[in-house]
Amino acid sequence: MGLLDRPTSGRLFLQGQDTSHLDDHAITRLRGRSIGFILQFHHLLPAFTATENVLLPMYSAYGERLPVLVHRARELVARVGLTDRADRLASNPSGGQQQRVAIVRALAMDPPLRS
């Protein structure tokens, strides 16, 4: 469902695009723009701040730290009540706070599919 595995038969379409013949790079790009994953374990990078962790999928998509992306990341962090943690390392907040950062990171690219 999340394009993590390839089908053994048939074809899988995501947003009208046949994914069965895409290479790994194309699948990764499509997944990053189309699916927001919220995993049971948050998988935040502890050396990065909450804002930087939220920016990661945007960096990947746009290749640079644009002011509009930083603003969006800060806005998302604020939406989950973590404004005071925005510039602190992601290893310091509680588990629940880390999970909230992971949730907004999954929503950062405004994916049409959320899992």
PDB file of N, CA and C in Angstrom:
ATOM      1  N   MET A   1       0.819  -1.197   0.000  1.00  0.00           N
ATOM      2  CA  MET A   1       0.000   0.000   0.000  1.00  0.00           C
ATOM      3  C   MET A   1       0.861   1.259   0.000  1.00  0.00           C
ATOM      4  N   GLY A   2       1.953   1.241   0.718  1.00  0.00           N
ATOM      5  CA  GLY A   2       2.809   2.421   0.803  1.00  0.00           C
ATOM      6  C   GLY A   2       3.965   2.388  -0.179  1.00  0.00           C
ATOM      7  N   LEU A   3       3.879   1.529  -1.176  1.00  0.00           N
ATOM      8  CA  LEU A   3       4.925   1.360  -2.180  1.00  0.00           C
ATOM      9  C   LEU A   3       6.240   0.883  -1.568  1.00  0.00           C
ATOM     10  N   LEU A   4       6.150   0.220  -0.445  1.00  0.00           N
ATOM     11  CA  LEU A   4       7.352  -0.327   0.181  1.00  0.00           C
ATOM     12  C   LEU A   4       7.723  -1.670  -0.430  1.00  0.00           C
ATOM     13  N   ASP A   5       6.736  -2.390  -0.936  1.00  0.00           N
ATOM     14  CA  ASP A   5       6.945  -3.653  -1.634  1.00  0.00           C
ATOM     15  C   ASP A   5       6.382  -3.515  -3.043  1.00  0.00           C
ATOM     16  N   ARG A   6       6.893  -4.340  -3.927  1.00  0.00           N
ATOM     17  CA  ARG A   6       6.388  -4.345  -5.301  1.00  0.00           C
ATOM     18  C   ARG A   6       5.405  -5.508  -5.457  1.00  0.00           C
ATOM     19  N   PRO A   7       4.343  -5.305  -6.213  1.00  0.00           N
ATOM     20  CA  PRO A   7       3.394  -6.405  -6.428  1.00  0.00           C
ATOM     21  C   PRO A   7       4.054  -7.536  -7.214  1.00  0.00           C
ATOM     22  N   THR A   8       3.683  -8.762  -6.897  1.00  0.00           N
ATOM     23  CA  THR A   8       4.215  -9.921  -7.628  1.00  0.00           C
ATOM     24  C   THR A   8       3.424 -10.188  -8.898  1.00  0.00           C
ATOM     25  N   SER A   9       2.242  -9.619  -8.975  1.00  0.00           N
ATOM     26  CA  SER A   9       1.453  -9.719 -10.196  1.00  0.00           C
ATOM     27  C   SER A   9       0.496  -8.533 -10.253  1.00  0.00           C
ATOM     28  N   GLY A  10      -0.005  -8.260 -11.416  1.00  0.00           N
ATOM     29  CA  GLY A  10      -0.931  -7.148 -11.578  1.00  0.00           C
ATOM     30  C   GLY A  10      -0.202  -5.814 -11.603  1.00  0.00           C
ATOM     31  N   ARG A  11      -0.967  -4.750 -11.503  1.00  0.00           N
ATOM     32  CA  ARG A  11      -0.399  -3.404 -11.527  1.00  0.00           C
ATOM     33  C   ARG A  11      -0.989  -2.604 -10.380  1.00  0.00           C
ATOM     34  N   LEU A  12      -0.205  -1.678  -9.863  1.00  0.00           N
ATOM     35  CA  LEU A  12      -0.632  -0.813  -8.777  1.00  0.00           C
ATOM     36  C   LEU A  12      -0.572   0.625  -9.266  1.00  0.00           C
ATOM     37  N   PHE A  13      -1.703   1.305  -9.167  1.00  0.00           N
ATOM     38  CA  PHE A  13      -1.778   2.702  -9.582  1.00  0.00           C
ATOM     39  C   PHE A  13      -1.884   3.582  -8.346  1.00  0.00           C
ATOM     40  N   LEU A  14      -1.141   4.658  -8.351  1.00  0.00           N
ATOM     41  CA  LEU A  14      -1.227   5.657  -7.284  1.00  0.00           C
ATOM     42  C   LEU A  14      -1.441   7.002  -7.951  1.00  0.00           C
ATOM     43  N   GLN A  15      -2.555   7.611  -7.658  1.00  0.00           N
ATOM     44  CA  GLN A  15      -2.947   8.883  -8.249  1.00  0.00           C
ATOM     45  C   GLN A  15      -2.886   8.813  -9.780  1.00  0.00           C
ATOM     46  N   GLY A  16      -3.396   7.711 -10.314  1.00  0.00           N
ATOM     47  CA  GLY A  16      -3.466   7.536 -11.751  1.00  0.00           C
ATOM     48  C   GLY A  16      -2.173   7.109 -12.421  1.00  0.00           C
ATOM     49  N   GLN A  17      -1.101   6.969 -11.656  1.00  0.00           N
ATOM     50  CA  GLN A  17       0.192   6.588 -12.225  1.00  0.00           C
ATOM     51  C   GLN A  17       0.472   5.113 -11.964  1.00  0.00           C
ATOM     52  N   ASP A  18       0.796   4.396 -13.022  1.00  0.00           N
ATOM     53  CA  ASP A  18       1.152   2.988 -12.910  1.00  0.00           C
ATOM     54  C   ASP A  18       2.539   2.902 -12.273  1.00  0.00           C
ATOM     55  N   THR A  19       2.618   2.307 -11.105  1.00  0.00           N
ATOM     56  CA  THR A  19       3.886   2.245 -10.367  1.00  0.00           C
ATOM     57  C   THR A  19       4.686   0.988 -10.673  1.00  0.00           C
ATOM     58  N   SER A  20       4.118   0.062 -11.423  1.00  0.00           N
ATOM     59  CA  SER A  20       4.769  -1.233 -11.610  1.00  0.00           C
ATOM     60  C   SER A  20       6.071  -1.165 -12.404  1.00  0.00           C
ATOM     61  N   HIS A  21       6.281  -0.117 -13.183  1.00  0.00           N
ATOM     62  CA  HIS A  21       7.506  -0.022 -13.983  1.00  0.00           C
ATOM     63  C   HIS A  21       8.421   1.103 -13.510  1.00  0.00           C
ATOM     64  N   LEU A  22       8.126   1.703 -12.384  1.00  0.00           N
ATOM     65  CA  LEU A  22       8.970   2.792 -11.882  1.00  0.00           C
ATOM     66  C   LEU A  22      10.213   2.226 -11.210  1.00  0.00           C
ATOM     67  N   ASP A  23      11.334   2.934 -11.356  1.00  0.00           N
ATOM     68  CA  ASP A  23      12.548   2.518 -10.657  1.00  0.00           C
ATOM     69  C   ASP A  23      12.471   2.975  -9.201  1.00  0.00           C
ATOM     70  N   ASP A  24      13.442   2.555  -8.397  1.00  0.00           N
ATOM     71  CA  ASP A  24      13.423   2.864  -6.969  1.00  0.00           C
ATOM     72  C   ASP A  24      13.393   4.365  -6.700  1.00  0.00           C
ATOM     73  N   HIS A  25      14.145   5.144  -7.468  1.00  0.00           N
ATOM     74  CA  HIS A  25      14.181   6.594  -7.268  1.00  0.00           C
ATOM     75  C   HIS A  25      12.806   7.206  -7.529  1.00  0.00           C
ATOM     76  N   ALA A  26      12.163   6.804  -8.605  1.00  0.00           N
ATOM     77  CA  ALA A  26      10.838   7.344  -8.944  1.00  0.00           C
ATOM     78  C   ALA A  26       9.794   6.941  -7.903  1.00  0.00           C
ATOM     79  N   ILE A  27       9.872   5.720  -7.421  1.00  0.00           N
ATOM     80  CA  ILE A  27       8.934   5.273  -6.384  1.00  0.00           C
ATOM     81  C   ILE A  27       9.149   6.067  -5.096  1.00  0.00           C
ATOM     82  N   THR A  28      10.401   6.294  -4.743  1.00  0.00           N
ATOM     83  CA  THR A  28      10.704   7.076  -3.540  1.00  0.00           C
ATOM     84  C   THR A  28      10.147   8.491  -3.653  1.00  0.00           C
ATOM     85  N   ARG A  29      10.318   9.116  -4.814  1.00  0.00           N
ATOM     86  CA  ARG A  29       9.777  10.468  -5.023  1.00  0.00           C
ATOM     87  C   ARG A  29       8.257  10.479  -4.945  1.00  0.00           C
ATOM     88  N   LEU A  30       7.626   9.522  -5.591  1.00  0.00           N
ATOM     89  CA  LEU A  30       6.166   9.437  -5.579  1.00  0.00           C
ATOM     90  C   LEU A  30       5.657   9.196  -4.162  1.00  0.00           C
ATOM     91  N   ARG A  31       6.306   8.302  -3.441  1.00  0.00           N
ATOM     92  CA  ARG A  31       5.919   8.015  -2.060  1.00  0.00           C
ATOM     93  C   ARG A  31       6.068   9.273  -1.190  1.00  0.00           C
ATOM     94  N   GLY A  32       7.174   9.979  -1.360  1.00  0.00           N
ATOM     95  CA  GLY A  32       7.428  11.170  -0.546  1.00  0.00           C
ATOM     96  C   GLY A  32       6.439  12.290  -0.768  1.00  0.00           C
ATOM     97  N   ARG A  33       5.914  12.373  -1.964  1.00  0.00           N
ATOM     98  CA  ARG A  33       4.956  13.444  -2.285  1.00  0.00           C
ATOM     99  C   ARG A  33       3.504  13.031  -2.099  1.00  0.00           C
ATOM    100  N   SER A  34       3.252  11.727  -2.042  1.00  0.00           N
ATOM    101  CA  SER A  34       1.865  11.269  -2.068  1.00  0.00           C
ATOM    102  C   SER A  34       1.376  10.582  -0.807  1.00  0.00           C
ATOM    103  N   ILE A  35       2.299  10.088   0.007  1.00  0.00           N
ATOM    104  CA  ILE A  35       1.883   9.299   1.165  1.00  0.00           C
ATOM    105  C   ILE A  35       2.555   9.851   2.424  1.00  0.00           C
ATOM    106  N   GLY A  36       1.766  10.139   3.435  1.00  0.00           N
ATOM    107  CA  GLY A  36       2.302  10.577   4.723  1.00  0.00           C
ATOM    108  C   GLY A  36       2.277   9.420   5.703  1.00  0.00           C
ATOM    109  N   PHE A  37       3.431   8.908   6.045  1.00  0.00           N
ATOM    110  CA  PHE A  37       3.537   7.778   6.964  1.00  0.00           C
ATOM    111  C   PHE A  37       3.656   8.258   8.405  1.00  0.00           C
ATOM    112  N   ILE A  38       2.853   7.667   9.268  1.00  0.00           N
ATOM    113  CA  ILE A  38       2.987   7.866  10.699  1.00  0.00           C
ATOM    114  C   ILE A  38       3.195   6.476  11.278  1.00  0.00           C
ATOM    115  N   LEU A  39       4.415   6.201  11.642  1.00  0.00           N
ATOM    116  CA  LEU A  39       4.762   4.882  12.141  1.00  0.00           C
ATOM    117  C   LEU A  39       4.587   4.808  13.655  1.00  0.00           C
ATOM    118  N   GLN A  40       4.541   3.600  14.184  1.00  0.00           N
ATOM    119  CA  GLN A  40       4.378   3.433  15.630  1.00  0.00           C
ATOM    120  C   GLN A  40       5.544   4.054  16.382  1.00  0.00           C
ATOM    121  N   PHE A  41       6.767   3.854  15.873  1.00  0.00           N
ATOM    122  CA  PHE A  41       7.929   4.498  16.463  1.00  0.00           C
ATOM    123  C   PHE A  41       8.231   5.725  15.623  1.00  0.00           C
ATOM    124  N   HIS A  42       8.524   6.831  16.237  1.00  0.00           N
ATOM    125  CA  HIS A  42       8.598   8.125  15.563  1.00  0.00           C
ATOM    126  C   HIS A  42       9.764   8.280  14.591  1.00  0.00           C
ATOM    127  N   HIS A  43      10.872   7.621  14.793  1.00  0.00           N
ATOM    128  CA  HIS A  43      12.044   7.699  13.911  1.00  0.00           C
ATOM    129  C   HIS A  43      12.505   9.131  13.659  1.00  0.00           C
ATOM    130  N   LEU A  44      12.513   9.959  14.689  1.00  0.00           N
ATOM    131  CA  LEU A  44      13.057  11.305  14.546  1.00  0.00           C
ATOM    132  C   LEU A  44      14.578  11.229  14.609  1.00  0.00           C
ATOM    133  N   LEU A  45      15.235  12.180  13.978  1.00  0.00           N
ATOM    134  CA  LEU A  45      16.687  12.257  14.072  1.00  0.00           C
ATOM    135  C   LEU A  45      17.026  13.079  15.318  1.00  0.00           C
ATOM    136  N   PRO A  46      17.659  12.459  16.315  1.00  0.00           N
ATOM    137  CA  PRO A  46      17.864  13.123  17.601  1.00  0.00           C
ATOM    138  C   PRO A  46      18.802  14.323  17.546  1.00  0.00           C
ATOM    139  N   ALA A  47      19.656  14.410  16.546  1.00  0.00           N
ATOM    140  CA  ALA A  47      20.584  15.540  16.443  1.00  0.00           C
ATOM    141  C   ALA A  47      19.943  16.761  15.791  1.00  0.00           C
ATOM    142  N   PHE A  48      18.687  16.620  15.339  1.00  0.00           N
ATOM    143  CA  PHE A  48      17.959  17.708  14.698  1.00  0.00           C
ATOM    144  C   PHE A  48      16.881  18.221  15.643  1.00  0.00           C
ATOM    145  N   THR A  49      16.491  19.468  15.442  1.00  0.00           N
ATOM    146  CA  THR A  49      15.392  20.035  16.231  1.00  0.00           C
ATOM    147  C   THR A  49      14.072  19.496  15.708  1.00  0.00           C
ATOM    148  N   ALA A  50      13.005  19.795  16.450  1.00  0.00           N
ATOM    149  CA  ALA A  50      11.667  19.391  15.998  1.00  0.00           C
ATOM    150  C   ALA A  50      11.364  20.003  14.629  1.00  0.00           C
ATOM    151  N   THR A  51      11.661  21.280  14.464  1.00  0.00           N
ATOM    152  CA  THR A  51      11.415  21.954  13.188  1.00  0.00           C
ATOM    153  C   THR A  51      12.227  21.312  12.061  1.00  0.00           C
ATOM    154  N   GLU A  52      13.486  21.018  12.315  1.00  0.00           N
ATOM    155  CA  GLU A  52      14.326  20.400  11.289  1.00  0.00           C
ATOM    156  C   GLU A  52      13.822  19.015  10.907  1.00  0.00           C
ATOM    157  N   ASN A  53      13.324  18.245  11.878  1.00  0.00           N
ATOM    158  CA  ASN A  53      12.758  16.932  11.569  1.00  0.00           C
ATOM    159  C   ASN A  53      11.529  17.062  10.682  1.00  0.00           C
ATOM    160  N   VAL A  54      10.710  18.077  10.931  1.00  0.00           N
ATOM    161  CA  VAL A  54       9.527  18.304  10.093  1.00  0.00           C
ATOM    162  C   VAL A  54       9.944  18.760   8.694  1.00  0.00           C
ATOM    163  N   LEU A  55      11.046  19.488   8.606  1.00  0.00           N
ATOM    164  CA  LEU A  55      11.536  19.973   7.316  1.00  0.00           C
ATOM    165  C   LEU A  55      12.134  18.876   6.429  1.00  0.00           C
ATOM    166  N   LEU A  56      12.518  17.752   6.994  1.00  0.00           N
ATOM    167  CA  LEU A  56      13.223  16.724   6.228  1.00  0.00           C
ATOM    168  C   LEU A  56      12.523  16.310   4.932  1.00  0.00           C
ATOM    169  N   PRO A  57      11.234  15.981   4.942  1.00  0.00           N
ATOM    170  CA  PRO A  57      10.612  15.604   3.657  1.00  0.00           C
ATOM    171  C   PRO A  57      10.558  16.771   2.678  1.00  0.00           C
ATOM    172  N   MET A  58      10.477  17.988   3.196  1.00  0.00           N
ATOM    173  CA  MET A  58      10.450  19.154   2.316  1.00  0.00           C
ATOM    174  C   MET A  58      11.829  19.392   1.706  1.00  0.00           C
ATOM    175  N   TYR A  59      12.890  19.202   2.496  1.00  0.00           N
ATOM    176  CA  TYR A  59      14.257  19.299   1.958  1.00  0.00           C
ATOM    177  C   TYR A  59      14.433  18.310   0.822  1.00  0.00           C
ATOM    178  N   SER A  60      13.960  17.101   1.065  1.00  0.00           N
ATOM    179  CA  SER A  60      14.097  16.043   0.074  1.00  0.00           C
ATOM    180  C   SER A  60      13.383  16.405  -1.227  1.00  0.00           C
ATOM    181  N   ALA A  61      12.216  16.988  -1.118  1.00  0.00           N
ATOM    182  CA  ALA A  61      11.419  17.325  -2.304  1.00  0.00           C
ATOM    183  C   ALA A  61      11.936  18.566  -3.031  1.00  0.00           C
ATOM    184  N   TYR A  62      12.367  19.582  -2.279  1.00  0.00           N
ATOM    185  CA  TYR A  62      12.737  20.853  -2.891  1.00  0.00           C
ATOM    186  C   TYR A  62      14.241  21.105  -2.949  1.00  0.00           C
ATOM    187  N   GLY A  63      15.014  20.316  -2.214  1.00  0.00           N
ATOM    188  CA  GLY A  63      16.461  20.407  -2.292  1.00  0.00           C
ATOM    189  C   GLY A  63      17.107  21.568  -1.575  1.00  0.00           C
ATOM    190  N   GLU A  64      16.332  22.392  -0.916  1.00  0.00           N
ATOM    191  CA  GLU A  64      16.920  23.506  -0.185  1.00  0.00           C
ATOM    192  C   GLU A  64      15.983  23.984   0.924  1.00  0.00           C
ATOM    193  N   ARG A  65      16.549  24.765   1.816  1.00  0.00           N
ATOM    194  CA  ARG A  65      15.800  25.287   2.961  1.00  0.00           C
ATOM    195  C   ARG A  65      15.217  26.650   2.583  1.00  0.00           C
ATOM    196  N   LEU A  66      14.044  26.624   2.021  1.00  0.00           N
ATOM    197  CA  LEU A  66      13.367  27.850   1.620  1.00  0.00           C
ATOM    198  C   LEU A  66      12.614  28.442   2.812  1.00  0.00           C
ATOM    199  N   PRO A  67      12.588  29.762   2.938  1.00  0.00           N
ATOM    200  CA  PRO A  67      11.875  30.392   4.057  1.00  0.00           C
ATOM    201  C   PRO A  67      10.416  29.946   4.167  1.00  0.00           C
ATOM    202  N   VAL A  68       9.733  29.758   3.054  1.00  0.00           N
ATOM    203  CA  VAL A  68       8.334  29.337   3.090  1.00  0.00           C
ATOM    204  C   VAL A  68       8.207  27.939   3.705  1.00  0.00           C
ATOM    205  N   LEU A  69       9.194  27.078   3.488  1.00  0.00           N
ATOM    206  CA  LEU A  69       9.171  25.731   4.065  1.00  0.00           C
ATOM    207  C   LEU A  69       9.409  25.782   5.566  1.00  0.00           C
ATOM    208  N   VAL A  70      10.331  26.633   5.988  1.00  0.00           N
ATOM    209  CA  VAL A  70      10.594  26.788   7.424  1.00  0.00           C
ATOM    210  C   VAL A  70       9.337  27.318   8.109  1.00  0.00           C
ATOM    211  N   HIS A  71       8.677  28.275   7.474  1.00  0.00           N
ATOM    212  CA  HIS A  71       7.436  28.820   8.032  1.00  0.00           C
ATOM    213  C   HIS A  71       6.384  27.724   8.160  1.00  0.00           C
ATOM    214  N   ARG A  72       6.231  26.899   7.131  1.00  0.00           N
ATOM    215  CA  ARG A  72       5.254  25.795   7.183  1.00  0.00           C
ATOM    216  C   ARG A  72       5.604  24.819   8.297  1.00  0.00           C
ATOM    217  N   ALA A  73       6.869  24.468   8.428  1.00  0.00           N
ATOM    218  CA  ALA A  73       7.285  23.530   9.475  1.00  0.00           C
ATOM    219  C   ALA A  73       6.981  24.101  10.858  1.00  0.00           C
ATOM    220  N   ARG A  74       7.295  25.355  11.072  1.00  0.00           N
ATOM    221  CA  ARG A  74       7.015  25.995  12.378  1.00  0.00           C
ATOM    222  C   ARG A  74       5.510  26.065  12.643  1.00  0.00           C
ATOM    223  N   GLU A  75       4.739  26.336  11.606  1.00  0.00           N
ATOM    224  CA  GLU A  75       3.287  26.387  11.740  1.00  0.00           C
ATOM    225  C   GLU A  75       2.733  25.017  12.146  1.00  0.00           C
ATOM    226  N   LEU A  76       3.232  23.960  11.527  1.00  0.00           N
ATOM    227  CA  LEU A  76       2.777  22.608  11.859  1.00  0.00           C
ATOM    228  C   LEU A  76       3.169  22.228  13.288  1.00  0.00           C
ATOM    229  N   VAL A  77       4.378  22.557  13.687  1.00  0.00           N
ATOM    230  CA  VAL A  77       4.829  22.271  15.053  1.00  0.00           C
ATOM    231  C   VAL A  77       3.943  23.024  16.053  1.00  0.00           C
ATOM    232  N   ALA A  78       3.588  24.255  15.734  1.00  0.00           N
ATOM    233  CA  ALA A  78       2.718  25.043  16.610  1.00  0.00           C
ATOM    234  C   ALA A  78       1.315  24.436  16.689  1.00  0.00           C
ATOM    235  N   ARG A  79       0.832  23.891  15.587  1.00  0.00           N
ATOM    236  CA  ARG A  79      -0.516  23.301  15.567  1.00  0.00           C
ATOM    237  C   ARG A  79      -0.679  22.157  16.553  1.00  0.00           C
ATOM    238  N   VAL A  80       0.419  21.461  16.841  1.00  0.00           N
ATOM    239  CA  VAL A  80       0.335  20.351  17.794  1.00  0.00           C
ATOM    240  C   VAL A  80       0.835  20.769  19.178  1.00  0.00           C
ATOM    241  N   GLY A  81       0.883  22.082  19.404  1.00  0.00           N
ATOM    242  CA  GLY A  81       1.192  22.602  20.736  1.00  0.00           C
ATOM    243  C   GLY A  81       2.643  22.503  21.156  1.00  0.00           C
ATOM    244  N   LEU A  82       3.559  22.527  20.200  1.00  0.00           N
ATOM    245  CA  LEU A  82       4.972  22.360  20.543  1.00  0.00           C
ATOM    246  C   LEU A  82       5.840  23.554  20.153  1.00  0.00           C
ATOM    247  N   THR A  83       5.249  24.737  20.121  1.00  0.00           N
ATOM    248  CA  THR A  83       6.004  25.935  19.770  1.00  0.00           C
ATOM    249  C   THR A  83       7.238  26.088  20.646  1.00  0.00           C
ATOM    250  N   ASP A  84       7.093  25.801  21.932  1.00  0.00           N
ATOM    251  CA  ASP A  84       8.226  25.944  22.852  1.00  0.00           C
ATOM    252  C   ASP A  84       9.315  24.901  22.615  1.00  0.00           C
ATOM    253  N   ARG A  85       9.022  23.867  21.857  1.00  0.00           N
ATOM    254  CA  ARG A  85       9.991  22.798  21.561  1.00  0.00           C
ATOM    255  C   ARG A  85      10.527  22.874  20.125  1.00  0.00           C
ATOM    256  N   ALA A  86      10.084  23.847  19.359  1.00  0.00           N
ATOM    257  CA  ALA A  86      10.406  23.917  17.930  1.00  0.00           C
ATOM    258  C   ALA A  86      11.907  23.910  17.654  1.00  0.00           C
ATOM    259  N   ASP A  87      12.679  24.566  18.497  1.00  0.00           N
ATOM    260  CA  ASP A  87      14.116  24.690  18.259  1.00  0.00           C
ATOM    261  C   ASP A  87      14.959  23.874  19.219  1.00  0.00           C
ATOM    262  N   ARG A  88      14.327  22.939  19.888  1.00  0.00           N
ATOM    263  CA  ARG A  88      15.063  22.027  20.775  1.00  0.00           C
ATOM    264  C   ARG A  88      15.292  20.705  20.062  1.00  0.00           C
ATOM    265  N   LEU A  89      16.348  20.027  20.449  1.00  0.00           N
ATOM    266  CA  LEU A  89      16.647  18.740  19.831  1.00  0.00           C
ATOM    267  C   LEU A  89      15.495  17.767  20.034  1.00  0.00           C
ATOM    268  N   ALA A  90      15.258  16.949  19.029  1.00  0.00           N
ATOM    269  CA  ALA A  90      14.130  16.018  19.041  1.00  0.00           C
ATOM    270  C   ALA A  90      14.299  14.908  20.069  1.00  0.00           C
ATOM    271  N   SER A  91      15.482  14.733  20.614  1.00  0.00           N
ATOM    272  CA  SER A  91      15.703  13.687  21.611  1.00  0.00           C
ATOM    273  C   SER A  91      15.242  14.118  22.996  1.00  0.00           C
ATOM    274  N   ASN A  92      15.015  15.398  23.203  1.00  0.00           N
ATOM    275  CA  ASN A  92      14.664  15.894  24.529  1.00  0.00           C
ATOM    276  C   ASN A  92      13.189  15.802  24.904  1.00  0.00           C
ATOM    277  N   PRO A  93      12.240  15.975  23.984  1.00  0.00           N
ATOM    278  CA  PRO A  93      10.823  15.919  24.374  1.00  0.00           C
ATOM    279  C   PRO A  93      10.393  14.522  24.817  1.00  0.00           C
ATOM    280  N   SER A  94       9.236  14.464  25.418  1.00  0.00           N
ATOM    281  CA  SER A  94       8.669  13.183  25.833  1.00  0.00           C
ATOM    282  C   SER A  94       8.317  12.349  24.604  1.00  0.00           C
ATOM    283  N   GLY A  95       8.028  11.080  24.826  1.00  0.00           N
ATOM    284  CA  GLY A  95       7.643  10.203  23.723  1.00  0.00           C
ATOM    285  C   GLY A  95       6.423  10.710  22.980  1.00  0.00           C
ATOM    286  N   GLY A  96       5.429  11.202  23.723  1.00  0.00           N
ATOM    287  CA  GLY A  96       4.221  11.733  23.092  1.00  0.00           C
ATOM    288  C   GLY A  96       4.509  12.972  22.254  1.00  0.00           C
ATOM    289  N   GLN A  97       5.385  13.831  22.752  1.00  0.00           N
ATOM    290  CA  GLN A  97       5.758  15.021  21.988  1.00  0.00           C
ATOM    291  C   GLN A  97       6.538  14.632  20.734  1.00  0.00           C
ATOM    292  N   GLN A  98       7.402  13.643  20.852  1.00  0.00           N
ATOM    293  CA  GLN A  98       8.143  13.168  19.682  1.00  0.00           C
ATOM    294  C   GLN A  98       7.178  12.602  18.637  1.00  0.00           C
ATOM    295  N   GLN A  99       6.154  11.902  19.107  1.00  0.00           N
ATOM    296  CA  GLN A  99       5.177  11.334  18.174  1.00  0.00           C
ATOM    297  C   GLN A  99       4.395  12.441  17.474  1.00  0.00           C
ATOM    298  N   ARG A 100       4.102  13.526  18.181  1.00  0.00           N
ATOM    299  CA  ARG A 100       3.409  14.653  17.539  1.00  0.00           C
ATOM    300  C   ARG A 100       4.279  15.278  16.450  1.00  0.00           C
ATOM    301  N   VAL A 101       5.585  15.361  16.703  1.00  0.00           N
ATOM    302  CA  VAL A 101       6.501  15.859  15.667  1.00  0.00           C
ATOM    303  C   VAL A 101       6.462  14.919  14.471  1.00  0.00           C
ATOM    304  N   ALA A 102       6.457  13.617  14.714  1.00  0.00           N
ATOM    305  CA  ALA A 102       6.399  12.645  13.619  1.00  0.00           C
ATOM    306  C   ALA A 102       5.105  12.790  12.819  1.00  0.00           C
ATOM    307  N   ILE A 103       4.016  13.085  13.497  1.00  0.00           N
ATOM    308  CA  ILE A 103       2.731  13.261  12.816  1.00  0.00           C
ATOM    309  C   ILE A 103       2.779  14.458  11.881  1.00  0.00           C
ATOM    310  N   VAL A 104       3.269  15.592  12.371  1.00  0.00           N
ATOM    311  CA  VAL A 104       3.306  16.769  11.495  1.00  0.00           C
ATOM    312  C   VAL A 104       4.369  16.622  10.404  1.00  0.00           C
ATOM    313  N   ARG A 105       5.416  15.849  10.674  1.00  0.00           N
ATOM    314  CA  ARG A 105       6.393  15.565   9.607  1.00  0.00           C
ATOM    315  C   ARG A 105       5.700  14.796   8.475  1.00  0.00           C
ATOM    316  N   ALA A 106       4.826  13.857   8.828  1.00  0.00           N
ATOM    317  CA  ALA A 106       4.100  13.087   7.815  1.00  0.00           C
ATOM    318  C   ALA A 106       3.140  13.978   7.025  1.00  0.00           C
ATOM    319  N   LEU A 107       2.673  15.045   7.626  1.00  0.00           N
ATOM    320  CA  LEU A 107       1.730  15.949   6.969  1.00  0.00           C
ATOM    321  C   LEU A 107       2.408  17.123   6.276  1.00  0.00           C
ATOM    322  N   ALA A 108       3.719  17.254   6.441  1.00  0.00           N
ATOM    323  CA  ALA A 108       4.450  18.432   5.937  1.00  0.00           C
ATOM    324  C   ALA A 108       4.281  18.662   4.444  1.00  0.00           C
ATOM    325  N   MET A 109       4.243  17.598   3.659  1.00  0.00           N
ATOM    326  CA  MET A 109       4.106  17.733   2.214  1.00  0.00           C
ATOM    327  C   MET A 109       2.638  17.752   1.778  1.00  0.00           C
ATOM    328  N   ASP A 110       1.724  17.798   2.755  1.00  0.00           N
ATOM    329  CA  ASP A 110       0.296  17.784   2.489  1.00  0.00           C
ATOM    330  C   ASP A 110      -0.081  16.649   1.550  1.00  0.00           C
ATOM    331  N   PRO A 111       0.293  15.417   1.930  1.00  0.00           N
ATOM    332  CA  PRO A 111       0.051  14.276   1.047  1.00  0.00           C
ATOM    333  C   PRO A 111      -1.426  13.937   0.931  1.00  0.00           C
ATOM    334  N   PRO A 112      -1.841  13.532  -0.258  1.00  0.00           N
ATOM    335  CA  PRO A 112      -3.250  13.148  -0.422  1.00  0.00           C
ATOM    336  C   PRO A 112      -3.597  11.855   0.309  1.00  0.00           C
ATOM    337  N   LEU A 113      -2.606  10.989   0.540  1.00  0.00           N
ATOM    338  CA  LEU A 113      -2.823   9.742   1.267  1.00  0.00           C
ATOM    339  C   LEU A 113      -2.074   9.813   2.587  1.00  0.00           C
ATOM    340  N   ARG A 114      -2.765   9.460   3.656  1.00  0.00           N
ATOM    341  CA  ARG A 114      -2.138   9.491   4.974  1.00  0.00           C
ATOM    342  C   ARG A 114      -2.309   8.132   5.618  1.00  0.00           C
ATOM    343  N   SER A 115      -1.197   7.571   6.082  1.00  0.00           N
ATOM    344  CA  SER A 115      -1.223   6.216   6.608  1.00  0.00           C
ATOM    345  C   SER A 115      -0.580   6.173   7.985  1.00  0.00           C
TER     346      SER A 115
END
